[in-house]
Protein backbone atom coordinates (compact mmCIF):
# COMPACT_ATOMS: atom_id res chain seq x y z
CA MET A 1 -8.30 7.18 17.05
CA SER A 2 -8.18 3.40 17.56
CA ARG A 3 -6.12 1.09 15.39
CA LYS A 4 -9.31 -0.63 14.23
CA VAL A 5 -10.65 2.66 12.94
CA LEU A 6 -7.39 3.27 11.10
CA ASP A 7 -7.44 -0.26 9.69
CA GLY A 8 -11.00 0.03 8.48
CA SER A 9 -11.05 3.55 7.20
CA VAL A 10 -10.54 4.83 3.70
CA LYS A 11 -8.83 8.17 3.86
CA LEU A 12 -9.66 11.38 2.01
CA LEU A 13 -6.89 12.29 -0.38
CA ASN A 14 -8.63 14.69 -2.70
CA SER A 15 -11.84 16.67 -2.64
CA VAL A 16 -14.85 15.69 -4.73
CA ASP A 17 -15.49 17.52 -7.97
CA THR A 18 -18.42 19.77 -7.11
CA SER A 19 -19.80 19.48 -10.65
CA PHE A 20 -20.41 15.76 -10.10
CA ASP A 21 -23.88 14.92 -8.80
CA PRO A 22 -23.96 11.36 -7.44
CA PHE A 23 -27.54 11.59 -6.20
CA ASP A 24 -29.35 11.51 -9.54
CA SER A 25 -29.90 7.75 -9.57
CA TYR A 26 -28.51 4.70 -7.85
CA PRO A 27 -29.49 1.05 -7.28
CA PRO A 28 -32.25 0.46 -4.69
CA THR A 29 -31.38 -0.55 -1.13
CA ARG A 30 -33.33 -1.33 2.05
CA LEU A 31 -32.17 1.95 3.58
CA SER A 32 -34.08 5.21 3.44
CA ARG A 33 -33.17 7.62 0.66
CA ILE A 34 -31.84 10.16 3.18
CA HIS A 35 -29.62 7.53 4.80
CA VAL A 36 -28.27 6.35 1.45
CA GLN A 37 -27.54 9.89 0.36
CA ARG A 38 -25.67 10.54 3.60
CA LEU A 39 -23.58 7.42 3.05
CA ILE A 40 -22.90 8.45 -0.54
CA HIS A 41 -21.79 11.86 0.64
CA HIS A 42 -19.55 10.30 3.29
CA TYR A 43 -18.16 7.81 0.77
CA LEU A 44 -17.30 10.47 -1.77
CA ASN A 45 -15.62 12.58 0.90
CA MET A 46 -13.48 9.79 2.34
CA ILE A 47 -12.04 8.24 -0.79
CA SER A 48 -9.41 9.20 -3.31
CA ASN A 49 -9.89 10.41 -6.85
CA PRO A 50 -9.26 7.03 -8.54
CA PHE A 51 -12.48 5.82 -6.91
CA ILE A 52 -14.49 8.89 -7.73
CA VAL A 53 -13.40 9.15 -11.34
CA SER A 54 -13.29 5.47 -12.27
CA TRP A 55 -14.98 3.44 -9.54
CA TRP A 56 -18.12 5.37 -8.69
CA PRO A 57 -19.75 5.23 -12.15
CA LEU A 58 -19.27 1.45 -12.03
CA ALA A 59 -20.91 1.29 -8.61
CA LEU A 60 -23.93 3.27 -9.79
CA ALA A 61 -24.46 0.75 -12.58
CA ASP A 62 -24.10 -2.42 -10.50
CA PRO A 63 -26.27 -3.17 -7.41
CA ALA A 64 -23.71 -5.48 -5.76
CA LEU A 65 -20.84 -3.05 -6.23
CA PHE A 66 -23.01 -0.18 -5.03
CA HIS A 67 -23.92 -2.02 -1.84
CA VAL A 68 -20.32 -2.90 -0.94
CA SER A 69 -19.17 0.61 -1.82
CA ILE A 70 -21.58 2.41 0.50
CA GLN A 71 -20.94 -0.31 3.06
CA THR A 72 -17.37 1.00 3.35
CA ALA A 73 -18.81 4.39 4.30
CA SER A 74 -21.18 2.80 6.81
CA LEU A 75 -18.35 0.78 8.32
CA ASP A 76 -16.22 3.91 8.69
CA GLU A 77 -19.05 5.71 10.50
CA GLU A 78 -19.74 2.76 12.80
CA LEU A 79 -16.09 2.17 13.65
CA ARG A 80 -15.86 5.78 14.77
CA ALA A 81 -19.10 5.54 16.78
CA HIS A 82 -18.08 2.32 18.63
CA LYS A 83 -21.70 1.12 18.70
CA GLY A 84 -21.52 -2.03 16.62
CA PHE A 85 -22.26 -2.48 12.93
CA PRO A 86 -26.07 -2.54 12.50
CA ILE A 87 -26.22 -0.78 9.12
CA SER A 88 -23.09 -2.45 7.82
CA GLU A 89 -24.50 -5.86 8.73
CA LEU A 90 -27.74 -5.11 6.90
CA LEU A 91 -25.80 -4.00 3.84
CA MET A 92 -23.54 -7.03 4.21
CA VAL A 93 -26.49 -9.43 4.03
CA ASP A 94 -27.74 -7.77 0.86
CA SER A 95 -24.23 -7.47 -0.59
CA VAL A 96 -23.54 -11.18 -0.12
CA SER A 97 -26.92 -12.07 -1.64
CA LEU A 98 -26.31 -9.89 -4.69
CA ILE A 99 -22.77 -11.20 -5.15
CA ARG A 100 -23.96 -14.79 -4.79
CA GLN A 101 -26.47 -14.18 -7.58
CA LYS A 102 -23.63 -12.98 -9.80
CA ILE A 103 -21.39 -15.93 -8.89
CA GLU A 104 -24.16 -18.40 -9.68
CA ASN A 105 -24.69 -16.84 -13.11
CA SER A 106 -22.00 -18.11 -15.47
CA SER A 107 -22.24 -14.99 -17.62
CA LEU A 108 -21.66 -12.68 -14.62
CA ALA A 109 -19.40 -14.71 -12.32
CA PHE A 110 -16.12 -13.69 -13.93
CA GLN A 111 -16.87 -10.07 -14.76
CA ASP A 112 -14.74 -7.16 -13.55
CA ASP A 113 -17.62 -5.84 -11.44
CA THR A 114 -17.87 -9.18 -9.64
CA LEU A 115 -14.16 -9.08 -8.83
CA ASN A 116 -14.51 -5.46 -7.69
CA SER A 117 -17.37 -6.40 -5.38
CA VAL A 118 -15.67 -9.42 -3.82
CA VAL A 119 -12.33 -7.70 -3.21
CA THR A 120 -14.14 -4.76 -1.60
CA LEU A 121 -16.02 -7.21 0.59
CA ALA A 122 -12.66 -8.65 1.65
CA ALA A 123 -11.47 -5.19 2.66
CA ILE A 124 -14.65 -4.58 4.65
CA GLU A 125 -14.33 -7.85 6.57
CA HIS A 126 -10.70 -7.05 7.28
CA GLY A 127 -11.69 -3.63 8.61
CA LYS A 128 -14.12 -5.31 11.00
CA GLY A 129 -11.44 -7.69 12.21
CA ASN A 130 -12.94 -10.74 10.47
CA VAL A 131 -9.61 -12.00 9.15
CA GLU A 132 -10.76 -15.47 8.10
CA ALA A 133 -13.78 -14.14 6.20
CA SER A 134 -11.53 -11.62 4.49
CA ARG A 135 -9.09 -14.32 3.41
CA THR A 136 -11.96 -16.47 2.14
CA HIS A 137 -13.05 -13.64 -0.15
CA ILE A 138 -9.46 -13.14 -1.35
CA ASP A 139 -9.25 -16.86 -2.13
CA GLY A 140 -12.42 -16.48 -4.19
CA VAL A 141 -10.92 -13.53 -6.05
CA LYS A 142 -7.77 -15.53 -6.80
CA ARG A 143 -9.83 -18.40 -8.22
CA ILE A 144 -11.73 -16.06 -10.53
CA VAL A 145 -8.51 -14.38 -11.62
CA GLY A 146 -7.02 -17.82 -12.32
CA VAL A 147 -9.96 -18.81 -14.51
CA ARG A 148 -9.52 -15.56 -16.44
CA GLY A 149 -5.89 -16.38 -17.17
CA GLY A 150 -4.12 -14.37 -14.50
CA ILE A 151 -4.01 -10.81 -13.25
CA SER A 152 -2.27 -9.60 -16.42
CA HIS A 153 -5.33 -10.64 -18.43
CA VAL A 154 -7.63 -8.90 -15.95
CA ARG A 155 -5.58 -5.73 -16.39
CA GLN A 156 -6.16 -5.83 -20.15
CA SER A 157 -9.90 -5.38 -19.63
CA SER A 158 -9.78 -3.23 -16.48
CA PRO A 159 -6.57 -1.68 -15.10
CA LEU A 160 -8.61 -0.41 -12.13
CA THR A 161 -9.81 -3.91 -11.23
CA ALA A 162 -6.31 -5.38 -11.51
CA ARG A 163 -4.94 -2.53 -9.42
CA MET A 164 -7.56 -3.05 -6.72
CA ILE A 165 -7.08 -6.80 -6.60
CA ALA A 166 -3.29 -6.70 -6.32
CA TRP A 167 -3.25 -3.88 -3.77
CA VAL A 168 -6.14 -4.83 -1.49
CA SER A 169 -5.27 -8.53 -1.43
CA MET A 170 -1.77 -7.62 -0.24
CA LEU A 171 -3.07 -5.18 2.37
CA VAL A 172 -5.56 -7.55 3.98
CA THR A 173 -3.32 -10.64 3.98
CA GLY A 174 -0.05 -8.88 4.80
CA ALA A 175 1.75 -10.47 1.85
CA PRO A 176 1.65 -10.46 -1.98
CA GLN A 177 -1.04 -12.78 -3.34
CA PHE A 178 0.01 -12.63 -6.99
CA PRO A 179 3.30 -13.07 -8.81
CA ILE A 180 4.99 -10.25 -10.70
CA GLN A 181 6.12 -9.92 -14.27
CA ASP A 182 9.85 -9.73 -14.88
CA ASP A 183 11.70 -6.46 -15.43
CA LEU A 184 10.87 -6.60 -19.14
CA GLY A 185 7.15 -6.92 -18.49
CA ILE A 186 7.06 -10.58 -19.50
CA GLY A 187 4.97 -13.25 -17.79
CA ASP A 188 1.78 -13.21 -15.77
CA GLY A 189 1.59 -11.08 -12.68
CA VAL A 190 1.60 -7.53 -11.38
CA CYS A 191 3.26 -5.54 -14.13
CA PRO A 192 6.16 -3.09 -13.83
CA THR A 193 5.46 0.54 -14.62
CA LEU A 194 6.84 2.37 -17.63
CA GLN A 195 9.19 4.24 -15.31
CA TRP A 196 10.53 0.93 -14.03
CA LEU A 197 11.03 -0.46 -17.53
CA LEU A 198 12.96 2.65 -18.56
CA ALA A 199 15.11 2.77 -15.41
CA SER A 200 18.26 0.89 -16.31
CA PRO A 201 20.00 -0.62 -13.27
CA ASP A 202 23.38 0.77 -14.35
CA LEU A 203 26.23 0.68 -11.88
CA GLU A 204 26.78 4.43 -12.13
CA SER A 205 23.47 4.98 -10.32
CA SER A 206 24.20 2.58 -7.49
CA SER A 207 24.75 3.90 -3.98
CA GLU A 208 28.38 4.02 -2.86
CA ALA A 209 27.09 3.57 0.68
CA ILE A 210 26.55 -0.14 0.01
CA ASP A 211 29.58 -0.80 -2.21
CA ASP A 212 31.48 -2.64 0.52
CA LEU A 213 28.50 -4.71 1.66
CA ASP A 214 27.49 -8.15 0.45
CA ILE A 215 23.96 -7.09 -0.47
CA ASP A 216 21.58 -9.37 -2.37
CA PRO A 217 22.02 -8.44 -6.08
CA ALA A 218 18.23 -8.37 -6.48
CA VAL A 219 17.99 -5.76 -3.70
CA ILE A 220 20.77 -3.70 -5.30
CA ASP A 221 18.93 -3.84 -8.62
CA ILE A 222 15.72 -2.52 -7.03
CA LEU A 223 17.56 0.24 -5.19
CA THR A 224 19.43 1.30 -8.33
CA ARG A 225 16.27 1.45 -10.43
CA LEU A 226 14.50 3.48 -7.76
CA ARG A 227 17.45 5.86 -7.59
CA ASN A 228 17.13 6.37 -11.34
CA ILE A 229 13.37 6.90 -11.08
CA SER A 230 13.90 9.34 -8.20
CA GLN A 231 15.37 11.86 -10.64
CA GLU A 232 11.88 12.31 -12.13
CA ALA A 233 9.83 11.42 -9.04
CA SER A 234 8.29 14.89 -8.70
CA SER A 235 6.54 14.44 -12.06
CA LEU A 236 4.87 11.13 -11.15
CA SER A 237 1.08 11.25 -11.05
CA GLY A 238 -0.77 9.75 -8.10
CA THR A 239 -1.71 6.70 -10.16
CA GLU A 240 1.86 6.25 -11.42
CA LEU A 241 3.23 6.41 -7.88
CA HIS A 242 0.60 3.92 -6.74
CA ASP A 243 1.41 1.44 -9.51
CA LEU A 244 5.15 1.83 -8.89
CA THR A 245 4.65 1.25 -5.15
CA CYS A 246 2.44 -1.77 -5.74
CA PHE A 247 4.97 -3.40 -8.07
CA VAL A 248 8.04 -2.58 -5.97
CA VAL A 249 6.51 -3.74 -2.68
CA HIS A 250 5.38 -6.97 -4.35
CA LYS A 251 8.87 -7.47 -5.78
CA LEU A 252 10.62 -6.79 -2.48
CA LEU A 253 8.35 -8.99 -0.37
CA LEU A 254 8.49 -11.87 -2.87
CA LEU A 255 12.28 -12.09 -2.62
CA PRO A 256 13.56 -15.05 -0.59
CA PRO A 257 15.56 -14.22 2.56
CA PHE A 258 19.18 -13.41 1.76
CA SER A 259 21.43 -15.76 3.65
CA THR A 260 25.21 -15.55 3.87
CA GLN A 261 27.77 -16.87 6.33
CA ASN A 262 28.32 -13.29 7.48
CA LEU A 263 25.39 -12.45 9.75
CA GLN A 264 26.07 -8.71 9.60
CA GLN A 265 26.03 -8.66 5.80
CA SER A 266 22.80 -10.64 5.74
CA ALA A 267 21.22 -8.26 8.26
CA ALA A 268 22.25 -5.24 6.18
CA SER A 269 20.72 -6.72 3.03
CA GLU A 270 17.46 -7.73 4.67
CA SER A 271 17.19 -4.43 6.55
CA LEU A 272 17.60 -2.54 3.28
CA ARG A 273 14.98 -4.74 1.59
CA TYR A 274 12.33 -4.16 4.23
CA ALA A 275 13.24 -0.49 4.63
CA MET A 276 12.65 0.10 0.91
CA ALA A 277 9.22 -1.53 1.17
CA LEU A 278 8.32 0.69 4.13
CA TYR A 279 9.74 3.76 2.37
CA MET A 280 7.56 3.20 -0.69
CA LEU A 281 4.48 2.79 1.50
CA ALA A 282 5.40 5.94 3.44
CA ILE A 283 5.74 8.17 0.37
CA HIS A 284 2.67 6.55 -1.19
CA GLY A 285 0.35 7.22 1.72
CA THR A 286 -3.15 5.76 1.96
CA THR A 287 -5.02 5.05 -1.24
CA TYR A 288 -8.21 2.98 -1.16
CA TYR A 289 -7.65 1.28 2.22
CA SER A 290 -5.25 1.70 5.11
CA HIS A 291 -1.96 -0.18 4.80
CA ILE A 292 -1.30 -0.19 8.56
CA GLY A 293 -1.72 -3.97 8.81
CA LEU A 294 0.83 -4.54 6.06
CA VAL A 295 3.25 -2.08 7.66
CA MET A 296 2.97 -3.90 11.00
CA THR A 297 3.69 -7.23 9.32
CA ILE A 298 6.74 -5.83 7.51
CA MET A 299 7.90 -4.13 10.70
CA GLN A 300 8.04 -7.46 12.54
CA GLN A 301 10.43 -8.84 9.93
CA PHE A 302 12.34 -5.56 9.76
CA ARG A 303 13.04 -5.37 13.49
CA SER A 304 14.39 -8.92 13.59
CA TYR A 305 17.42 -7.81 11.53
CA LEU A 306 17.99 -4.39 13.03
CA GLU A 307 19.45 -5.53 16.34
CA VAL A 308 22.34 -6.97 14.34
CA LEU A 309 22.56 -3.91 12.08
CA VAL A 310 22.93 -1.59 15.08
CA ARG A 311 26.15 -3.35 16.02
CA SER A 312 27.40 -3.61 12.44
CA ASP A 313 30.14 -1.55 10.87
CA VAL A 314 28.04 -0.25 7.96
CA ASP A 315 27.90 3.18 6.38
CA GLU A 316 26.37 5.73 8.76
CA SER A 317 24.30 7.27 5.94
CA LEU A 318 22.71 3.87 5.39
CA LYS A 319 21.96 3.54 9.09
CA LEU A 320 20.50 7.04 9.17
CA TRP A 321 18.21 6.29 6.22
CA ILE A 322 17.07 2.90 7.49
CA PHE A 323 16.33 4.13 11.02
CA SER A 324 14.56 7.22 9.65
CA VAL A 325 12.28 5.03 7.55
CA GLY A 326 11.51 2.98 10.65
CA MET A 327 10.88 6.14 12.66
CA VAL A 328 8.38 7.49 10.13
CA SER A 329 6.69 4.11 9.63
CA SER A 330 6.36 3.14 13.30
CA ILE A 331 2.84 2.75 14.60
CA ASP A 332 3.36 1.71 18.22
CA PRO A 333 5.17 3.99 20.70
CA ILE A 334 7.83 1.43 21.64
CA ASN A 335 9.05 1.00 18.07
CA SER A 336 8.82 4.73 17.48
CA LYS A 337 11.00 5.50 20.51
CA TRP A 338 13.60 2.90 19.54
CA PHE A 339 13.87 4.07 15.92
CA THR A 340 14.04 7.71 16.98
CA GLU A 341 16.88 6.96 19.38
CA GLN A 342 18.82 5.02 16.75
CA ALA A 343 18.26 7.71 14.11
CA TYR A 344 19.47 10.36 16.56
CA LEU A 345 22.62 8.36 17.32
CA ALA A 346 23.37 8.07 13.61
CA ALA A 347 22.75 11.80 13.16
CA THR A 348 25.10 12.60 16.04
CA SER A 349 27.80 10.43 14.50
CA LEU A 350 27.38 12.32 11.21
CA LYS A 351 27.35 15.73 12.99
CA ILE A 352 23.96 16.57 11.51
CA GLN A 353 22.44 19.88 12.58
CA THR A 354 19.69 20.66 10.03
CA TRP A 355 17.13 18.93 7.83
CA GLU A 356 19.26 19.89 4.83
CA ASP A 357 22.12 17.90 6.36
CA VAL A 358 19.82 14.90 6.73
CA LEU A 359 18.69 15.20 3.13
CA VAL A 360 22.27 15.06 1.86
CA HIS A 361 22.69 11.65 3.48
CA PHE A 362 19.25 10.43 2.37
CA LYS A 363 20.17 11.15 -1.24
CA ARG A 364 23.20 8.89 -0.88
CA ILE A 365 20.72 6.05 -0.40
CA LEU A 366 17.27 6.91 -1.80
CA TRP A 367 15.16 10.04 -1.81
CA MET A 368 12.12 10.66 -4.01
CA GLU A 369 10.63 14.15 -4.20
CA THR A 370 6.97 13.46 -3.51
CA PRO A 371 4.35 15.43 -1.56
CA ARG A 372 4.54 13.01 1.38
CA GLY A 373 8.28 13.46 1.74
CA VAL A 374 7.39 16.23 4.16
CA ILE A 375 6.63 13.64 6.86
CA PHE A 376 10.36 12.90 7.05
CA GLN A 377 11.22 16.59 7.15
CA ARG A 378 8.75 17.34 9.95
CA GLN A 379 9.99 14.55 12.18
CA TRP A 380 13.62 15.52 11.71
CA GLU A 381 13.00 19.21 12.24
CA ASP A 382 11.15 18.38 15.46
CA MET A 383 14.06 16.23 16.59
CA LEU A 384 16.72 18.80 15.74
CA THR A 385 15.03 21.81 17.37
């Protein structure tokens, strides 16, 4: 499958509730009823439960949101067919017209549904490779959010809308577009989860593997909190894991570069920062839209520090974890080969023979029991057999 298809596709995470009938009524379109129903069926079979449960009823009640929603299904079909975007373009014309009508109406311009429609349009343009158009829509979303008092205020009326805005805007631009609240949940911005607020960054939970390194205190704080949260990670719901990932990745990517006179210490700190961001995305998986573009952006920064880390005298467990995260997150074959080689060298140094041996070292750094943790296990078992 091409990278464009992966970038533009929304992946199936859960099956549709068979008791839900989406075909009873929906806003009119210029497409035939059979075509619309096929797109609805495709849409509901390619998206995750948060959309089906919370998003779809909103789409059925709003013509603009309905058009952009089924446009994601049309785009997915057309990306796979490699025959252009005739249906998507037709839906795009109507989507833009309907959204413009909402924007020009002062009573509708700042509604949640308007934000939902525009941010989805940004994701669609990004999936088609229209980066500038996508960014223009994100800029529009940010202006509306600003008028409404910030993303925290949007969340008060619609957690789903705030979640979509923060997540999709970061995916399509490759960087956080909104600030974050502090660790007490104060201020405007993407808010910490309850698990984060309850996870005290006590020194007893810190990793001894980084004790002798001059790591950015902010990075140590994030790692320590995640280590505390990891004790209950298996009980996190999909939405809780998503919100935790969204907040943590925002927090990590918003940190300024850590600079010290010791280049090796700086490389270790920055490598750990970017590795944690990639790790959270890896265990999160795809929800709503592919995060491949964001991963590629992070990977560029990540690799710039790793050449120094390879030659550094840092804990081998830390090297093993960092290179394993890179191995699992790699998209292009060159990066994948390099990370695999470095992970294997670290494993050899640690005399690792089984996945259970690997896991012991992972837990010295960070390991969260989530369904997608199996992707690490599979790659290591393949390497060790």
